[in-house]
Protein backbone atom coordinates (compact mmCIF):
# COMPACT_ATOMS: atom_id res chain seq x y z
CA MET A 1 -31.89 -74.45 -6.82
CA THR A 2 -31.48 -71.27 -8.82
CA PRO A 3 -34.48 -68.95 -8.96
CA PRO A 4 -36.70 -69.10 -12.03
CA ARG A 5 -35.47 -67.33 -15.14
CA VAL A 6 -37.25 -64.04 -15.72
CA PRO A 7 -36.72 -62.67 -19.22
CA GLU A 8 -36.98 -58.94 -19.67
CA ALA A 9 -38.58 -58.47 -23.04
CA SER A 10 -41.02 -60.23 -25.31
CA GLY A 11 -43.66 -59.40 -27.83
CA ARG A 12 -45.84 -62.26 -26.65
CA ALA A 13 -49.29 -60.99 -25.77
CA VAL A 14 -51.77 -62.63 -23.44
CA ARG A 15 -55.47 -61.89 -23.72
CA VAL A 16 -57.15 -61.10 -20.42
CA ALA A 17 -60.86 -61.21 -19.76
CA SER A 18 -62.66 -58.50 -17.84
CA LEU A 19 -62.75 -58.92 -14.10
CA SER A 20 -66.09 -60.03 -12.75
CA PRO A 21 -67.99 -58.14 -10.05
CA ILE A 22 -68.76 -59.80 -6.74
CA VAL A 23 -72.16 -61.44 -7.04
CA ALA A 24 -74.32 -63.56 -4.79
CA GLY A 25 -72.96 -67.06 -4.60
CA SER A 26 -69.41 -66.10 -5.53
CA PRO A 27 -66.58 -67.12 -3.20
CA PHE A 28 -66.45 -63.60 -1.76
CA SER A 29 -70.20 -63.02 -1.37
CA THR A 30 -70.50 -64.08 2.29
CA PRO A 31 -69.65 -60.86 4.13
CA ARG A 32 -67.51 -60.32 7.19
CA ARG A 33 -66.37 -56.90 8.35
CA GLY A 34 -62.66 -56.92 7.63
CA ARG A 35 -59.77 -54.55 8.20
CA GLY A 36 -60.50 -51.17 6.68
CA GLY A 37 -64.24 -51.87 6.59
CA ILE A 38 -64.07 -54.04 3.48
CA LEU A 39 -66.56 -56.88 3.42
CA VAL A 40 -64.62 -60.04 2.68
CA GLU A 41 -65.12 -63.55 4.00
CA THR A 42 -61.64 -64.83 4.75
CA GLY A 43 -62.72 -68.46 4.70
CA GLN A 44 -64.20 -68.12 1.25
CA LEU A 45 -60.72 -67.94 -0.23
CA GLN A 46 -60.63 -71.64 0.59
CA SER A 47 -63.25 -72.18 -2.09
CA ILE A 48 -60.91 -70.80 -4.74
CA ASN A 49 -58.00 -72.74 -3.29
CA ALA A 50 -59.98 -75.97 -3.38
CA ARG A 51 -60.90 -75.48 -7.02
CA ILE A 52 -57.28 -74.74 -7.87
CA ALA A 53 -56.19 -77.90 -6.03
CA GLY A 54 -58.54 -79.96 -8.20
CA CYS A 55 -57.79 -78.15 -11.44
CA HIS A 56 -56.58 -80.10 -14.48
CA ALA A 57 -57.28 -77.42 -17.08
CA CYS A 58 -53.75 -77.53 -18.49
CA ALA A 59 -50.75 -79.84 -18.63
CA LEU A 60 -49.04 -78.22 -15.64
CA ALA A 61 -51.30 -80.27 -13.37
CA THR A 62 -49.56 -83.50 -14.37
CA GLY A 63 -46.15 -82.49 -13.05
CA ARG A 64 -47.00 -80.51 -9.95
CA THR A 65 -46.31 -81.53 -6.36
CA ARG A 66 -48.70 -78.98 -4.87
CA THR A 67 -50.77 -76.14 -6.24
CA VAL A 68 -49.77 -72.64 -5.17
CA PRO A 69 -52.94 -70.52 -5.06
CA GLY A 70 -51.53 -67.59 -3.09
CA ASP A 71 -51.68 -66.40 0.49
CA GLY A 72 -51.82 -63.33 2.68
CA ASP A 73 -54.42 -60.85 3.89
CA PRO A 74 -57.74 -61.21 1.99
CA ASN A 75 -58.45 -57.57 2.85
CA ALA A 76 -55.05 -56.40 1.64
CA GLU A 77 -54.70 -52.95 0.14
CA LEU A 78 -51.60 -54.15 -1.70
CA MET A 79 -51.54 -57.23 -3.94
CA PHE A 80 -48.43 -58.75 -5.50
CA ILE A 81 -48.72 -60.91 -8.61
CA GLY A 82 -45.72 -62.93 -9.73
CA GLU A 83 -45.28 -65.23 -12.70
CA GLY A 84 -45.28 -68.84 -11.54
CA PRO A 85 -44.19 -71.12 -8.70
CA GLY A 86 -40.62 -72.42 -8.59
CA PHE A 87 -39.18 -75.58 -7.06
CA TYR A 88 -39.60 -74.59 -3.40
CA GLU A 89 -43.05 -73.12 -3.95
CA ASP A 90 -44.14 -76.35 -5.62
CA GLN A 91 -42.89 -78.31 -2.60
CA GLN A 92 -44.51 -76.09 0.04
CA GLY A 93 -47.64 -74.81 -1.69
CA SER A 94 -46.92 -71.14 -0.89
CA PRO A 95 -45.67 -68.39 -3.21
CA PHE A 96 -42.21 -66.84 -2.96
CA VAL A 97 -40.56 -69.09 -0.38
CA GLY A 98 -37.13 -69.48 -2.02
CA ARG A 99 -34.36 -66.93 -2.49
CA ALA A 100 -36.66 -64.61 -4.45
CA GLY A 101 -39.14 -64.82 -1.58
CA ALA A 102 -36.47 -63.87 0.94
CA LEU A 103 -35.68 -60.80 -1.14
CA LEU A 104 -39.39 -59.96 -1.35
CA ASP A 105 -39.57 -60.12 2.45
CA GLU A 106 -36.60 -57.75 2.70
CA LEU A 107 -38.22 -55.32 0.30
CA LEU A 108 -41.48 -55.42 2.24
CA ALA A 109 -39.62 -54.74 5.49
CA ARG A 110 -37.96 -51.80 3.76
CA ILE A 111 -41.39 -50.15 3.38
CA GLY A 112 -42.65 -51.21 6.82
CA MET A 113 -44.70 -54.24 5.78
CA THR A 114 -44.73 -58.01 6.14
CA ARG A 115 -46.43 -60.82 4.22
CA ALA A 116 -49.31 -60.55 6.69
CA ASP A 117 -50.10 -57.08 5.31
CA VAL A 118 -50.32 -58.05 1.63
CA PHE A 119 -51.69 -60.75 -0.65
CA VAL A 120 -49.24 -62.62 -2.89
CA THR A 121 -50.09 -64.87 -5.82
CA ASN A 122 -48.96 -65.75 -9.37
CA VAL A 123 -50.51 -65.71 -12.82
CA VAL A 124 -50.15 -69.51 -12.93
CA LYS A 125 -50.81 -71.64 -9.88
CA CYS A 126 -48.66 -74.68 -10.78
CA ARG A 127 -44.93 -74.86 -11.43
CA PRO A 128 -43.87 -74.86 -15.10
CA PRO A 129 -41.35 -77.68 -15.70
CA ASN A 130 -37.72 -76.67 -15.09
CA ASN A 131 -38.89 -73.17 -14.16
CA ARG A 132 -39.55 -72.32 -17.79
CA ASP A 133 -41.75 -69.40 -18.80
CA PRO A 134 -45.51 -69.96 -18.50
CA GLU A 135 -47.22 -70.59 -21.82
CA PRO A 136 -50.17 -68.44 -22.97
CA SER A 137 -52.49 -71.45 -22.71
CA GLU A 138 -51.39 -72.04 -19.11
CA ILE A 139 -51.95 -68.41 -18.18
CA ALA A 140 -55.39 -68.59 -19.80
CA ALA A 141 -56.23 -71.74 -17.82
CA CYS A 142 -55.46 -69.97 -14.53
CA GLU A 143 -57.08 -66.70 -15.58
CA PRO A 144 -60.46 -67.36 -13.88
CA TYR A 145 -58.79 -67.91 -10.51
CA LEU A 146 -56.68 -64.76 -10.67
CA THR A 147 -59.65 -62.78 -11.94
CA GLU A 148 -61.69 -63.91 -8.96
CA GLN A 149 -58.90 -63.17 -6.50
CA ILE A 150 -58.45 -59.64 -7.81
CA GLY A 151 -62.19 -59.00 -7.98
CA GLY A 152 -62.74 -60.23 -4.43
CA ILE A 153 -59.81 -58.54 -2.72
CA ARG A 154 -60.12 -55.29 -4.70
CA PRO A 155 -56.67 -54.01 -3.72
CA LYS A 156 -55.79 -50.35 -3.92
CA LEU A 157 -52.62 -51.18 -5.82
CA ILE A 158 -51.49 -54.25 -7.75
CA VAL A 159 -47.72 -54.68 -7.97
CA THR A 160 -46.72 -57.03 -10.77
CA LEU A 161 -43.44 -58.90 -10.33
CA GLY A 162 -41.85 -59.61 -13.69
CA ARG A 163 -42.79 -59.40 -17.34
CA PHE A 164 -45.51 -62.03 -17.54
CA ALA A 165 -47.47 -60.58 -14.63
CA MET A 166 -47.19 -57.11 -16.17
CA GLN A 167 -48.30 -58.35 -19.58
CA TYR A 168 -51.36 -59.92 -18.00
CA PHE A 169 -52.62 -56.33 -17.76
CA VAL A 170 -50.70 -54.70 -20.61
CA PRO A 171 -49.97 -57.19 -23.41
CA GLY A 172 -46.76 -56.40 -25.24
CA ALA A 173 -45.40 -53.93 -22.68
CA ALA A 174 -41.63 -53.94 -22.14
CA MET A 175 -40.30 -54.11 -18.60
CA GLY A 176 -37.45 -51.71 -19.27
CA ARG A 177 -39.88 -48.93 -20.21
CA SER A 178 -42.72 -49.82 -17.86
CA HIS A 179 -41.21 -50.60 -14.47
CA GLY A 180 -41.76 -48.02 -11.76
CA LYS A 181 -44.67 -46.40 -13.59
CA VAL A 182 -48.35 -46.64 -12.72
CA ILE A 183 -50.66 -48.19 -15.29
CA GLN A 184 -54.38 -47.60 -15.01
CA SER A 185 -55.92 -50.87 -16.19
CA GLY A 186 -59.65 -50.29 -16.07
CA ALA A 187 -60.57 -49.83 -12.41
CA HIS A 188 -57.19 -51.03 -11.15
CA ARG A 189 -53.89 -49.27 -10.58
CA VAL A 190 -51.05 -51.56 -11.65
CA TYR A 191 -47.42 -50.94 -10.76
CA PRO A 192 -44.88 -53.13 -12.61
CA VAL A 193 -41.51 -53.89 -11.03
CA TYR A 194 -38.76 -56.36 -11.85
CA HIS A 195 -39.08 -59.88 -10.49
CA PRO A 196 -36.91 -60.42 -7.37
CA ALA A 197 -35.29 -63.39 -9.15
CA ALA A 198 -34.04 -61.03 -11.87
CA ALA A 199 -32.54 -58.76 -9.22
CA LEU A 200 -30.74 -61.75 -7.68
CA ARG A 201 -29.19 -62.58 -11.04
CA GLN A 202 -28.35 -59.04 -12.09
CA GLY A 203 -26.98 -56.83 -9.36
CA ALA A 204 -27.81 -53.61 -11.19
CA LEU A 205 -31.51 -54.48 -11.09
CA ALA A 206 -31.44 -54.82 -7.30
CA ARG A 207 -30.99 -51.08 -6.91
CA VAL A 208 -33.75 -50.40 -9.45
CA LEU A 209 -36.08 -52.78 -7.63
CA ARG A 210 -35.39 -51.12 -4.27
CA GLU A 211 -36.07 -47.69 -5.73
CA ASP A 212 -39.34 -48.86 -7.28
CA PHE A 213 -40.40 -50.44 -3.97
CA ASP A 214 -39.64 -47.23 -2.10
CA ARG A 215 -42.43 -45.50 -4.03
CA ILE A 216 -45.12 -47.99 -3.02
CA PRO A 217 -46.21 -46.31 0.26
CA ALA A 218 -46.79 -42.98 -1.49
CA LEU A 219 -48.74 -44.72 -4.26
CA LEU A 220 -50.91 -46.52 -1.72
CA ALA A 221 -51.64 -43.24 0.02
CA THR A 222 -53.05 -41.79 -3.20
CA SER A 223 -54.96 -44.91 -4.31
CA GLN A 224 -58.48 -46.10 -3.58
CA ARG A 225 -60.10 -49.49 -3.73
CA PRO A 226 -62.14 -49.94 -6.91
CA ALA A 227 -65.86 -50.26 -6.36
CA ALA A 228 -67.16 -53.82 -6.60
CA GLN A 229 -69.28 -52.99 -9.62
CA ALA A 230 -66.32 -51.35 -11.34
CA THR A 231 -64.30 -54.55 -11.47
CA GLY A 232 -66.61 -56.00 -14.09
CA ALA A 233 -64.98 -53.82 -16.73
CA ALA A 234 -61.59 -53.60 -15.08
CA LEU A 235 -59.60 -54.50 -18.17
CA ALA A 236 -61.97 -53.27 -20.83
CA GLY A 237 -60.84 -50.62 -23.27
CA ARG A 238 -57.13 -51.14 -22.75
CA GLN A 239 -54.96 -48.65 -24.57
CA ASP A 240 -51.57 -48.91 -26.19
CA PRO A 241 -48.99 -49.47 -23.42
CA ALA A 242 -47.22 -46.18 -24.14
CA LYS A 243 -50.47 -44.30 -23.57
CA GLN A 244 -51.25 -46.11 -20.33
CA LEU A 245 -48.00 -45.30 -18.54
CA SER A 246 -48.04 -42.31 -16.24
CA LEU A 247 -45.10 -40.90 -14.34
CA LEU A 248 -46.46 -40.13 -10.89
């Protein structure tokens, strides 16, 4: 099975709601002292996963084999957000398990990390038919789950894999201009890179993707977790993409 097609440019914009703060009764409100001193209840991610498993908010639910909510360290400093599950992800219920996932593992090893050190998810939690692009309505249907994951984990750095994940934070941004640059999206630092599937299809992008990955450790070293109360306005007041990009 070929990896999902990842187009490189589009003017399609996706509206994103502000991230909600952690409040009593939310899936992350039961505290446990986690790695790095962050209070996160690992088991509470199961609450989000269970709601995703029972979700029928869009038509993707009718064709799925399994939902793919995401997995990894709930206290992760580094969070990866892809676009949508492919064939193998739909079969196994985990993100990035096909050829693109193998490349992601190689890139993580390149910077001294494994999947156990990060959290990986997608903007949509069910596979689009024939690996087509996710529709705006499908992204909107999954938005509450991703919002809650980001707000609970509060990563130091969010690495978006591919155009649709990037445009979740910066509608209308072009991958060619935005990759490898840090975007401050409210309280969150967002770092767009090409999708591994695109690098598998286009050899020239593989080198670009490696170079962008090589900068991640330095970016993590200069990043801080957003405060819980700051995530409530994480995406408020977004600027024009050209004004948000910073060469660090």
